[in-house]
Amino acid sequence: MNTTLNRFNAVSALATSVLMALAAFTAIMTYPTHKPSGRVAIKELEVVKGRLEWHMDNRVQDFMKVSFDIDADFTSLFNWNTKQVFLSLVAEYPTKRHELNQVVLWDRIVRSKQDANVNLLDATNKYPFREVSKNFANVNGSTFTLKWNTMPKVGILAYGDEQRTNEYSIPARLQRDGIAELYF
């Protein structure tokens, strides 16, 4: 006869194997295959001189203010296994030192299907958009991409790009008196 410990080991090994198989099946069956629909419209780009107030590097530098509209429907990404969807608007631009720079301008966490319709008008960047070199003199243009990331309760993360804009040229810095204090 087997001991009680051997029987418990066999039952727990079988239960663990069955649970892992169910988790893998769930991850495969609930992976998002429907592409959401939406659009991003960049309304205005403005380069201003300023400094961050609550930051270690408080030197005067260029910041870009971006005004945009987003109209998107992410309800197709939700099913019973979706915990939340992370949305972000990312600016992408090349420089001489780096082929691709990416800066997150805006983000939102959508936790339910009822909140999955995003409609923003005349929104501005939530986070500062600044270049590592402290000015945008060497940056010719930037594209903007609306990205999504589905976080399931069980399974792997799913990433996608909703829409990428055409390249927008970076405007020259506006000459104003004084320095703008930016609070981000």
N, C-alpha and C. Protein backbone atom coordinates (compact mmCIF):
# COMPACT_ATOMS: atom_id res chain seq x y z
N MET A 1 0.84 -1.19 0.00
CA MET A 1 0.00 0.00 0.00
C MET A 1 0.87 1.24 0.00
N ASN A 2 0.37 2.27 -0.62
CA ASN A 2 1.07 3.55 -0.60
C ASN A 2 0.76 4.28 0.70
N THR A 3 1.68 5.09 1.08
CA THR A 3 1.46 5.88 2.30
C THR A 3 0.53 7.05 1.98
N THR A 4 0.05 7.68 3.02
CA THR A 4 -0.83 8.84 2.86
C THR A 4 -0.10 9.98 2.16
N LEU A 5 1.17 10.14 2.47
CA LEU A 5 1.95 11.19 1.84
C LEU A 5 2.10 10.96 0.33
N ASN A 6 2.30 9.70 -0.08
CA ASN A 6 2.40 9.39 -1.51
C ASN A 6 1.08 9.66 -2.23
N ARG A 7 -0.03 9.30 -1.59
CA ARG A 7 -1.34 9.55 -2.21
C ARG A 7 -1.61 11.06 -2.33
N PHE A 8 -1.29 11.80 -1.28
CA PHE A 8 -1.47 13.25 -1.32
C PHE A 8 -0.60 13.88 -2.42
N ASN A 9 0.62 13.39 -2.58
CA ASN A 9 1.52 13.89 -3.61
C ASN A 9 0.94 13.61 -5.01
N ALA A 10 0.40 12.44 -5.23
CA ALA A 10 -0.17 12.10 -6.54
C ALA A 10 -1.39 12.97 -6.85
N VAL A 11 -2.26 13.16 -5.86
CA VAL A 11 -3.46 13.98 -6.07
C VAL A 11 -3.08 15.44 -6.33
N SER A 12 -2.14 15.98 -5.55
CA SER A 12 -1.75 17.38 -5.74
C SER A 12 -1.02 17.58 -7.07
N ALA A 13 -0.23 16.61 -7.51
CA ALA A 13 0.44 16.72 -8.80
C ALA A 13 -0.57 16.71 -9.94
N LEU A 14 -1.58 15.85 -9.85
CA LEU A 14 -2.63 15.81 -10.87
C LEU A 14 -3.42 17.12 -10.88
N ALA A 15 -3.77 17.63 -9.70
CA ALA A 15 -4.53 18.88 -9.63
C ALA A 15 -3.72 20.05 -10.20
N THR A 16 -2.44 20.10 -9.91
CA THR A 16 -1.59 21.16 -10.45
C THR A 16 -1.49 21.07 -11.96
N SER A 17 -1.34 19.87 -12.49
CA SER A 17 -1.27 19.70 -13.94
C SER A 17 -2.57 20.11 -14.62
N VAL A 18 -3.70 19.74 -14.04
CA VAL A 18 -5.00 20.11 -14.61
C VAL A 18 -5.19 21.63 -14.58
N LEU A 19 -4.83 22.27 -13.46
CA LEU A 19 -4.97 23.73 -13.36
C LEU A 19 -4.06 24.45 -14.35
N MET A 20 -2.85 23.96 -14.54
CA MET A 20 -1.95 24.58 -15.52
C MET A 20 -2.48 24.42 -16.94
N ALA A 21 -3.04 23.26 -17.25
CA ALA A 21 -3.63 23.05 -18.58
C ALA A 21 -4.83 23.97 -18.79
N LEU A 22 -5.66 24.14 -17.76
CA LEU A 22 -6.80 25.05 -17.87
C LEU A 22 -6.35 26.50 -18.04
N ALA A 23 -5.30 26.90 -17.33
CA ALA A 23 -4.77 28.26 -17.47
C ALA A 23 -4.22 28.48 -18.88
N ALA A 24 -3.51 27.51 -19.43
CA ALA A 24 -2.98 27.63 -20.79
C ALA A 24 -4.13 27.69 -21.81
N PHE A 25 -5.14 26.86 -21.63
CA PHE A 25 -6.30 26.86 -22.52
C PHE A 25 -7.02 28.22 -22.47
N THR A 26 -7.18 28.75 -21.26
CA THR A 26 -7.83 30.06 -21.09
C THR A 26 -7.03 31.16 -21.77
N ALA A 27 -5.71 31.13 -21.61
CA ALA A 27 -4.86 32.16 -22.22
C ALA A 27 -4.96 32.12 -23.74
N ILE A 28 -5.00 30.94 -24.31
CA ILE A 28 -5.08 30.81 -25.77
C ILE A 28 -6.45 31.22 -26.29
N MET A 29 -7.50 30.81 -25.62
CA MET A 29 -8.86 31.07 -26.10
C MET A 29 -9.30 32.53 -25.92
N THR A 30 -8.71 33.24 -24.97
CA THR A 30 -9.15 34.62 -24.72
C THR A 30 -8.15 35.65 -25.21
N TYR A 31 -7.16 35.26 -26.00
CA TYR A 31 -6.22 36.23 -26.55
C TYR A 31 -6.98 37.15 -27.51
N PRO A 32 -6.82 38.47 -27.38
CA PRO A 32 -7.62 39.38 -28.21
C PRO A 32 -7.27 39.27 -29.70
N THR A 33 -8.28 38.97 -30.50
CA THR A 33 -8.09 38.87 -31.94
C THR A 33 -8.81 39.99 -32.69
N HIS A 34 -9.72 40.68 -32.00
CA HIS A 34 -10.45 41.78 -32.64
C HIS A 34 -9.67 43.07 -32.48
N LYS A 35 -9.49 43.76 -33.58
CA LYS A 35 -8.76 45.03 -33.54
C LYS A 35 -9.74 46.16 -33.23
N PRO A 36 -9.41 46.99 -32.24
CA PRO A 36 -10.29 48.11 -31.93
C PRO A 36 -10.25 49.17 -33.04
N SER A 37 -11.20 50.08 -32.99
CA SER A 37 -11.24 51.12 -34.02
C SER A 37 -11.12 52.49 -33.37
N GLY A 38 -10.51 53.41 -34.08
CA GLY A 38 -10.38 54.76 -33.54
C GLY A 38 -9.49 55.63 -34.39
N ARG A 39 -9.39 56.89 -33.96
CA ARG A 39 -8.55 57.83 -34.68
C ARG A 39 -7.90 58.79 -33.70
N VAL A 40 -6.75 59.31 -34.11
CA VAL A 40 -6.02 60.33 -33.36
C VAL A 40 -5.79 61.50 -34.30
N ALA A 41 -6.07 62.69 -33.82
CA ALA A 41 -5.84 63.90 -34.62
C ALA A 41 -5.01 64.86 -33.79
N ILE A 42 -3.84 65.20 -34.30
CA ILE A 42 -2.98 66.18 -33.64
C ILE A 42 -3.42 67.56 -34.11
N LYS A 43 -3.79 68.40 -33.16
CA LYS A 43 -4.31 69.72 -33.52
C LYS A 43 -3.24 70.80 -33.53
N GLU A 44 -2.34 70.75 -32.54
CA GLU A 44 -1.35 71.82 -32.45
C GLU A 44 -0.10 71.32 -31.72
N LEU A 45 1.05 71.74 -32.23
CA LEU A 45 2.34 71.50 -31.58
C LEU A 45 2.94 72.87 -31.26
N GLU A 46 3.43 73.02 -30.04
CA GLU A 46 4.03 74.29 -29.63
C GLU A 46 5.25 74.00 -28.76
N VAL A 47 6.39 74.55 -29.15
CA VAL A 47 7.62 74.39 -28.37
C VAL A 47 7.79 75.63 -27.51
N VAL A 48 7.92 75.41 -26.20
CA VAL A 48 8.10 76.52 -25.25
C VAL A 48 9.34 76.28 -24.42
N LYS A 49 9.89 77.35 -23.90
CA LYS A 49 11.05 77.27 -23.02
C LYS A 49 10.53 77.22 -21.59
N GLY A 50 11.06 76.32 -20.78
CA GLY A 50 10.58 76.21 -19.41
C GLY A 50 11.48 75.34 -18.57
N ARG A 51 11.04 75.11 -17.34
CA ARG A 51 11.76 74.21 -16.44
C ARG A 51 10.75 73.48 -15.58
N LEU A 52 11.14 72.30 -15.16
CA LEU A 52 10.30 71.52 -14.27
C LEU A 52 10.51 72.00 -12.84
N GLU A 53 9.43 72.15 -12.10
CA GLU A 53 9.57 72.68 -10.76
C GLU A 53 10.04 71.61 -9.77
N TRP A 54 9.44 70.45 -9.78
CA TRP A 54 9.77 69.42 -8.80
C TRP A 54 10.61 68.32 -9.43
N HIS A 55 11.76 68.69 -9.93
CA HIS A 55 12.64 67.73 -10.58
C HIS A 55 14.07 68.10 -10.29
N MET A 56 14.92 67.11 -10.21
CA MET A 56 16.33 67.32 -9.93
C MET A 56 17.00 68.19 -11.00
N ASP A 57 16.64 67.97 -12.26
CA ASP A 57 17.22 68.74 -13.36
C ASP A 57 16.29 69.92 -13.67
N ASN A 58 16.53 71.06 -13.04
CA ASN A 58 15.63 72.20 -13.24
C ASN A 58 16.24 73.27 -14.14
N ARG A 59 17.10 72.84 -15.07
CA ARG A 59 17.65 73.78 -16.06
C ARG A 59 16.57 74.19 -17.06
N VAL A 60 16.77 75.33 -17.67
CA VAL A 60 15.85 75.80 -18.71
C VAL A 60 16.05 74.94 -19.95
N GLN A 61 14.96 74.46 -20.51
CA GLN A 61 15.02 73.60 -21.68
C GLN A 61 13.73 73.74 -22.48
N ASP A 62 13.71 73.12 -23.65
CA ASP A 62 12.53 73.16 -24.51
C ASP A 62 11.55 72.06 -24.11
N PHE A 63 10.29 72.40 -24.10
CA PHE A 63 9.20 71.46 -23.89
C PHE A 63 8.22 71.61 -25.03
N MET A 64 7.58 70.51 -25.39
CA MET A 64 6.59 70.59 -26.44
C MET A 64 5.21 70.36 -25.84
N LYS A 65 4.31 71.28 -26.15
CA LYS A 65 2.91 71.13 -25.78
C LYS A 65 2.18 70.56 -26.99
N VAL A 66 1.47 69.48 -26.78
CA VAL A 66 0.75 68.81 -27.86
C VAL A 66 -0.74 68.87 -27.55
N SER A 67 -1.52 69.35 -28.48
CA SER A 67 -2.97 69.36 -28.36
C SER A 67 -3.51 68.32 -29.34
N PHE A 68 -4.41 67.45 -28.86
CA PHE A 68 -4.86 66.33 -29.69
C PHE A 68 -6.30 65.96 -29.38
N ASP A 69 -6.89 65.22 -30.31
CA ASP A 69 -8.21 64.62 -30.16
C ASP A 69 -8.06 63.12 -30.31
N ILE A 70 -8.77 62.37 -29.48
CA ILE A 70 -8.81 60.91 -29.60
C ILE A 70 -10.27 60.49 -29.60
N ASP A 71 -10.65 59.67 -30.55
CA ASP A 71 -11.98 59.08 -30.61
C ASP A 71 -11.77 57.61 -30.93
N ALA A 72 -11.90 56.75 -29.92
CA ALA A 72 -11.59 55.33 -30.12
C ALA A 72 -12.53 54.46 -29.30
N ASP A 73 -12.77 53.27 -29.82
CA ASP A 73 -13.63 52.29 -29.16
C ASP A 73 -12.81 51.03 -28.90
N PHE A 74 -12.57 50.73 -27.62
CA PHE A 74 -11.77 49.58 -27.23
C PHE A 74 -12.62 48.46 -26.62
N THR A 75 -13.92 48.47 -26.85
CA THR A 75 -14.78 47.45 -26.26
C THR A 75 -14.48 46.06 -26.80
N SER A 76 -13.96 45.97 -28.01
CA SER A 76 -13.67 44.65 -28.59
C SER A 76 -12.52 43.94 -27.86
N LEU A 77 -11.75 44.67 -27.06
CA LEU A 77 -10.65 44.04 -26.32
C LEU A 77 -11.11 43.40 -25.02
N PHE A 78 -12.35 43.65 -24.61
CA PHE A 78 -12.83 43.13 -23.33
C PHE A 78 -13.56 41.81 -23.51
N ASN A 79 -13.25 40.86 -22.65
CA ASN A 79 -13.98 39.61 -22.51
C ASN A 79 -13.94 39.24 -21.03
N TRP A 80 -14.39 38.05 -20.68
CA TRP A 80 -14.47 37.69 -19.27
C TRP A 80 -13.09 37.55 -18.62
N ASN A 81 -12.03 37.43 -19.41
CA ASN A 81 -10.68 37.27 -18.86
C ASN A 81 -9.89 38.58 -18.83
N THR A 82 -10.46 39.68 -19.28
CA THR A 82 -9.73 40.95 -19.32
C THR A 82 -9.83 41.64 -17.97
N LYS A 83 -8.69 41.92 -17.40
CA LYS A 83 -8.65 42.66 -16.13
C LYS A 83 -8.72 44.16 -16.40
N GLN A 84 -7.87 44.65 -17.30
CA GLN A 84 -7.86 46.06 -17.65
C GLN A 84 -7.10 46.25 -18.96
N VAL A 85 -7.30 47.42 -19.56
CA VAL A 85 -6.61 47.78 -20.79
C VAL A 85 -5.88 49.10 -20.53
N PHE A 86 -4.60 49.13 -20.86
CA PHE A 86 -3.78 50.32 -20.68
C PHE A 86 -3.64 51.00 -22.03
N LEU A 87 -4.00 52.27 -22.11
CA LEU A 87 -3.92 53.04 -23.34
C LEU A 87 -2.85 54.11 -23.20
N SER A 88 -2.14 54.41 -24.28
CA SER A 88 -1.15 55.48 -24.23
C SER A 88 -0.99 56.12 -25.60
N LEU A 89 -0.71 57.42 -25.59
CA LEU A 89 -0.37 58.15 -26.80
C LEU A 89 1.12 58.41 -26.73
N VAL A 90 1.85 57.94 -27.74
CA VAL A 90 3.31 57.97 -27.74
C VAL A 90 3.80 58.80 -28.91
N ALA A 91 4.75 59.69 -28.64
CA ALA A 91 5.43 60.45 -29.70
C ALA A 91 6.71 59.72 -30.05
N GLU A 92 6.96 59.51 -31.34
CA GLU A 92 8.15 58.81 -31.81
C GLU A 92 8.89 59.70 -32.80
N TYR A 93 10.20 59.83 -32.59
CA TYR A 93 10.99 60.69 -33.47
C TYR A 93 12.44 60.21 -33.49
N PRO A 94 13.12 60.37 -34.62
CA PRO A 94 14.54 60.01 -34.70
C PRO A 94 15.42 61.23 -34.43
N THR A 95 16.63 60.97 -33.94
CA THR A 95 17.66 62.00 -33.82
C THR A 95 18.95 61.43 -34.38
N LYS A 96 19.99 62.24 -34.43
CA LYS A 96 21.27 61.77 -34.95
C LYS A 96 21.89 60.72 -34.04
N ARG A 97 21.68 60.84 -32.75
CA ARG A 97 22.28 59.90 -31.80
C ARG A 97 21.48 58.61 -31.64
N HIS A 98 20.16 58.68 -31.82
CA HIS A 98 19.30 57.52 -31.61
C HIS A 98 18.32 57.38 -32.77
N GLU A 99 18.17 56.16 -33.25
CA GLU A 99 17.27 55.93 -34.38
C GLU A 99 15.81 56.15 -34.01
N LEU A 100 15.44 55.78 -32.79
CA LEU A 100 14.04 55.90 -32.38
C LEU A 100 13.97 56.36 -30.93
N ASN A 101 13.30 57.46 -30.70
CA ASN A 101 13.00 57.95 -29.36
C ASN A 101 11.50 57.86 -29.18
N GLN A 102 11.06 57.41 -28.01
CA GLN A 102 9.64 57.31 -27.73
C GLN A 102 9.34 58.01 -26.41
N VAL A 103 8.31 58.84 -26.42
CA VAL A 103 7.90 59.58 -25.23
C VAL A 103 6.40 59.39 -25.04
N VAL A 104 5.99 58.94 -23.86
CA VAL A 104 4.57 58.80 -23.55
C VAL A 104 4.03 60.19 -23.19
N LEU A 105 3.00 60.61 -23.91
CA LEU A 105 2.40 61.92 -23.68
C LEU A 105 1.15 61.85 -22.82
N TRP A 106 0.40 60.77 -22.96
CA TRP A 106 -0.88 60.63 -22.28
C TRP A 106 -1.13 59.15 -22.05
N ASP A 107 -1.79 58.81 -20.96
CA ASP A 107 -2.17 57.42 -20.73
C ASP A 107 -3.47 57.35 -19.94
N ARG A 108 -4.09 56.18 -20.00
CA ARG A 108 -5.32 55.93 -19.24
C ARG A 108 -5.44 54.43 -19.03
N ILE A 109 -5.97 54.06 -17.86
CA ILE A 109 -6.28 52.67 -17.56
C ILE A 109 -7.79 52.51 -17.65
N VAL A 110 -8.23 51.60 -18.51
CA VAL A 110 -9.66 51.32 -18.68
C VAL A 110 -9.94 49.99 -18.00
N ARG A 111 -10.82 50.01 -17.01
CA ARG A 111 -11.07 48.80 -16.21
C ARG A 111 -12.36 48.08 -16.56
N SER A 112 -13.23 48.70 -17.34
CA SER A 112 -14.49 48.03 -17.67
C SER A 112 -14.88 48.32 -19.11
N LYS A 113 -15.74 47.47 -19.62
CA LYS A 113 -16.20 47.62 -21.00
C LYS A 113 -17.03 48.90 -21.16
N GLN A 114 -17.69 49.33 -20.09
CA GLN A 114 -18.51 50.54 -20.16
C GLN A 114 -17.65 51.79 -20.34
N ASP A 115 -16.41 51.76 -19.89
CA ASP A 115 -15.51 52.91 -20.00
C ASP A 115 -14.57 52.82 -21.20
N ALA A 116 -14.80 51.86 -22.09
CA ALA A 116 -13.85 51.59 -23.17
C ALA A 116 -13.99 52.51 -24.37
N ASN A 117 -15.00 53.36 -24.39
CA ASN A 117 -15.11 54.37 -25.45
C ASN A 117 -14.38 55.62 -24.98
N VAL A 118 -13.31 55.98 -25.67
CA VAL A 118 -12.50 57.14 -25.30
C VAL A 118 -12.79 58.25 -26.30
N ASN A 119 -13.22 59.38 -25.78
CA ASN A 119 -13.52 60.53 -26.62
C ASN A 119 -12.93 61.77 -25.96
N LEU A 120 -11.77 62.21 -26.44
CA LEU A 120 -11.09 63.38 -25.90
C LEU A 120 -11.06 64.47 -26.96
N LEU A 121 -11.40 65.67 -26.56
CA LEU A 121 -11.35 66.82 -27.46
C LEU A 121 -10.44 67.88 -26.85
N ASP A 122 -9.54 68.40 -27.64
CA ASP A 122 -8.59 69.43 -27.20
C ASP A 122 -7.82 69.03 -25.94
N ALA A 123 -7.43 67.78 -25.86
CA ALA A 123 -6.63 67.31 -24.72
C ALA A 123 -5.17 67.72 -24.93
N THR A 124 -4.45 67.88 -23.84
CA THR A 124 -3.03 68.20 -23.92
C THR A 124 -2.23 67.10 -23.24
N ASN A 125 -0.93 67.09 -23.49
CA ASN A 125 -0.11 66.02 -22.93
C ASN A 125 -0.14 66.06 -21.41
N LYS A 126 -0.25 64.87 -20.84
CA LYS A 126 -0.28 64.68 -19.40
C LYS A 126 1.13 64.68 -18.82
N TYR A 127 2.08 64.26 -19.60
CA TYR A 127 3.47 64.16 -19.17
C TYR A 127 4.33 65.09 -20.03
N PRO A 128 5.45 65.59 -19.47
CA PRO A 128 6.29 66.52 -20.24
C PRO A 128 6.93 65.84 -21.45
N PHE A 129 6.97 66.55 -22.54
CA PHE A 129 7.61 66.09 -23.77
C PHE A 129 8.85 66.95 -23.95
N ARG A 130 9.99 66.38 -23.63
CA ARG A 130 11.25 67.10 -23.77
C ARG A 130 12.29 66.19 -24.39
N GLU A 131 13.25 66.79 -25.03
CA GLU A 131 14.32 66.05 -25.71
C GLU A 131 15.50 65.94 -24.74
N VAL A 132 16.23 64.85 -24.83
CA VAL A 132 17.39 64.61 -23.96
C VAL A 132 18.43 65.71 -24.13
N SER A 133 18.57 66.22 -25.34
CA SER A 133 19.57 67.27 -25.61
C SER A 133 19.10 68.65 -25.14
N LYS A 134 17.96 68.73 -24.48
CA LYS A 134 17.39 69.96 -23.90
C LYS A 134 16.74 70.89 -24.91
N ASN A 135 16.83 70.60 -26.22
CA ASN A 135 16.10 71.42 -27.20
C ASN A 135 15.75 70.55 -28.40
N PHE A 136 14.82 71.05 -29.19
CA PHE A 136 14.32 70.31 -30.35
C PHE A 136 14.96 70.78 -31.65
N ALA A 137 16.12 71.42 -31.57
CA ALA A 137 16.77 71.96 -32.77
C ALA A 137 17.16 70.85 -33.76
N ASN A 138 17.54 69.68 -33.27
CA ASN A 138 17.97 68.59 -34.15
C ASN A 138 16.86 67.60 -34.47
N VAL A 139 15.64 67.92 -34.10
CA VAL A 139 14.50 67.03 -34.36
C VAL A 139 13.69 67.63 -35.50
N ASN A 140 13.55 66.87 -36.57
CA ASN A 140 12.82 67.37 -37.74
C ASN A 140 11.32 67.14 -37.64
N GLY A 141 10.93 65.95 -37.21
CA GLY A 141 9.52 65.63 -37.17
C GLY A 141 9.22 64.51 -36.20
N SER A 142 7.94 64.31 -35.93
CA SER A 142 7.51 63.29 -34.99
C SER A 142 6.20 62.68 -35.47
N THR A 143 6.04 61.39 -35.22
CA THR A 143 4.76 60.72 -35.45
C THR A 143 4.16 60.40 -34.09
N PHE A 144 2.86 60.23 -34.06
CA PHE A 144 2.16 59.97 -32.82
C PHE A 144 1.36 58.68 -32.98
N THR A 145 1.45 57.80 -31.98
CA THR A 145 0.82 56.49 -32.05
C THR A 145 -0.03 56.25 -30.82
N LEU A 146 -1.27 55.80 -31.03
CA LEU A 146 -2.14 55.39 -29.94
C LEU A 146 -1.92 53.89 -29.74
N LYS A 147 -1.44 53.52 -28.55
CA LYS A 147 -1.11 52.12 -28.27
C LYS A 147 -2.04 51.57 -27.20
N TRP A 148 -2.24 50.25 -27.22
CA TRP A 148 -3.03 49.59 -26.19
C TRP A 148 -2.29 48.35 -25.70
N ASN A 149 -2.59 47.98 -24.47
CA ASN A 149 -1.99 46.82 -23.83
C ASN A 149 -3.08 46.16 -22.99
N THR A 150 -3.45 44.94 -23.35
CA THR A 150 -4.48 44.21 -22.61
C THR A 150 -3.83 43.37 -21.52
N MET A 151 -4.32 43.54 -20.30
CA MET A 151 -3.82 42.78 -19.16
C MET A 151 -4.89 41.78 -18.73
N PRO A 152 -4.66 40.49 -18.98
CA PRO A 152 -5.68 39.50 -18.64
C PRO A 152 -5.57 39.06 -17.18
N LYS A 153 -6.62 38.40 -16.70
CA LYS A 153 -6.57 37.80 -15.36
C LYS A 153 -5.67 36.57 -15.39
N VAL A 154 -5.74 35.81 -16.47
CA VAL A 154 -4.88 34.64 -16.67
C VAL A 154 -4.36 34.70 -18.09
N GLY A 155 -3.05 34.57 -18.26
CA GLY A 155 -2.49 34.55 -19.61
C GLY A 155 -1.43 35.59 -19.83
N ILE A 156 -1.10 35.78 -21.10
CA ILE A 156 -0.02 36.69 -21.45
C ILE A 156 -0.58 38.05 -21.86
N LEU A 157 0.26 39.07 -21.75
CA LEU A 157 -0.13 40.42 -22.15
C LEU A 157 -0.22 40.50 -23.67
N ALA A 158 -1.15 41.30 -24.15
CA ALA A 158 -1.30 41.52 -25.59
C ALA A 158 -1.09 43.00 -25.86
N TYR A 159 -0.26 43.30 -26.86
CA TYR A 159 0.06 44.68 -27.22
C TYR A 159 -0.42 44.97 -28.63
N GLY A 160 -0.70 46.24 -28.89
CA GLY A 160 -1.08 46.62 -30.24
C GLY A 160 -1.03 48.12 -30.44
N ASP A 161 -0.93 48.53 -31.70
CA ASP A 161 -0.98 49.93 -32.08
C ASP A 161 -2.33 50.18 -32.74
N GLU A 162 -3.05 51.15 -32.23
CA GLU A 162 -4.36 51.45 -32.80
C GLU A 162 -4.23 52.31 -34.05
N GLN A 163 -3.55 53.43 -33.93
CA GLN A 163 -3.39 54.29 -35.10
C GLN A 163 -2.10 55.07 -34.99
N ARG A 164 -1.42 55.22 -36.13
CA ARG A 164 -0.20 56.02 -36.22
C ARG A 164 -0.49 57.19 -37.16
N THR A 165 -0.13 58.39 -36.72
CA THR A 165 -0.36 59.57 -37.54
C THR A 165 0.76 59.73 -38.56
N ASN A 166 0.55 60.63 -39.49
CA ASN A 166 1.63 61.03 -40.39
C ASN A 166 2.64 61.83 -39.60
N GLU A 167 3.79 62.08 -40.20
CA GLU A 167 4.83 62.83 -39.50
C GLU A 167 4.47 64.32 -39.46
N TYR A 168 4.59 64.89 -38.28
CA TYR A 168 4.37 66.32 -38.08
C TYR A 168 5.72 66.98 -37.89
N SER A 169 5.92 68.11 -38.55
CA SER A 169 7.19 68.83 -38.38
C SER A 169 7.16 69.58 -37.05
N ILE A 170 8.33 69.66 -36.43
CA ILE A 170 8.46 70.32 -35.13
C ILE A 170 8.56 71.82 -35.38
N PRO A 171 7.69 72.61 -34.76
CA PRO A 171 7.76 74.06 -34.99
C PRO A 171 8.94 74.68 -34.24
N ALA A 172 9.33 75.87 -34.67
CA ALA A 172 10.39 76.60 -33.97
C ALA A 172 9.85 77.07 -32.63
N ARG A 173 10.76 77.24 -31.68
CA ARG A 173 10.35 77.68 -30.35
C ARG A 173 9.81 79.10 -30.41
N LEU A 174 8.73 79.31 -29.71
CA LEU A 174 8.15 80.65 -29.64
C LEU A 174 9.01 81.52 -28.74
N GLN A 175 9.28 82.72 -29.17
CA GLN A 175 10.07 83.66 -28.37
C GLN A 175 9.12 84.46 -27.49
N ARG A 176 9.21 84.20 -26.20
CA ARG A 176 8.38 84.91 -25.24
C ARG A 176 9.28 85.52 -24.18
N ASP A 177 8.75 86.50 -23.50
CA ASP A 177 9.49 87.08 -22.39
C ASP A 177 9.36 86.16 -21.19
N GLY A 178 10.48 85.90 -20.52
CA GLY A 178 10.46 85.07 -19.33
C GLY A 178 10.45 83.59 -19.64
N ILE A 179 10.38 82.81 -18.59
CA ILE A 179 10.42 81.36 -18.69
C ILE A 179 9.12 80.80 -18.12
N ALA A 180 8.54 79.87 -18.83
CA ALA A 180 7.32 79.25 -18.35
C ALA A 180 7.67 78.21 -17.29
N GLU A 181 7.01 78.28 -16.16
CA GLU A 181 7.17 77.25 -15.14
C GLU A 181 6.17 76.15 -15.46
N LEU A 182 6.66 74.97 -15.74
CA LEU A 182 5.80 73.86 -16.11
C LEU A 182 5.60 72.96 -14.91
N TYR A 183 4.39 72.62 -14.64
CA TYR A 183 4.07 71.77 -13.49
C TYR A 183 3.55 70.44 -14.01
N PHE A 184 4.39 69.44 -13.96
CA PHE A 184 3.97 68.11 -14.38
C PHE A 184 4.10 67.18 -13.21
